[in-house]
Amino acid sequence: QVQLVESGGGLVQAGGSLRLSCAASGRTFSNYAMGWFRQAPRKEREFVAAINWNGGIGGNTYYADSVKGRFTISRDNAENTVYLQMNSLKPEDTAVYYCAAHPLITAQGMAVLGIKARYWGQGTQVTVSS
């Protein structure tokens, strides 16, 4: 089992920034690809960003087109934490953001896997006001 706990959400004005964190526990963190997804009201959960499982090298990333150039995903294996730095936020970024983990796949694989990822956090609300 892997437990995931997100934090860092909140209310921000358009153009502002937030950094989300996802703390993982339970298994060898570096064996898991990590991803961020989001779900806005009355919409399906969608992929945002992912980072490779990392056995000590690599760390390739993959992003949804809607966030490319504005969001950055990173991981700290020593701290068992994955981050999502969100800059130039827009009202359409408003959603509940979820952290996900799946073993031994690439970042692009996490995007393809989508909601079938094995482990999920409880989500953190991000609200961007115009």
Foldseek 3Di string as FASTA:
>chain_A
DKAKAKDWADEEAAQAKIKMKIAIDDDQLLQKKKFKWWDDPPGDIAGAKIWFRHPPDGTDMDGDPVQPPFWDWGDDSVRRMIMIIGGRDDQVVWTWMKMAIAGHDGGVVCNVCDPVGDDIYPTDTHGYHD
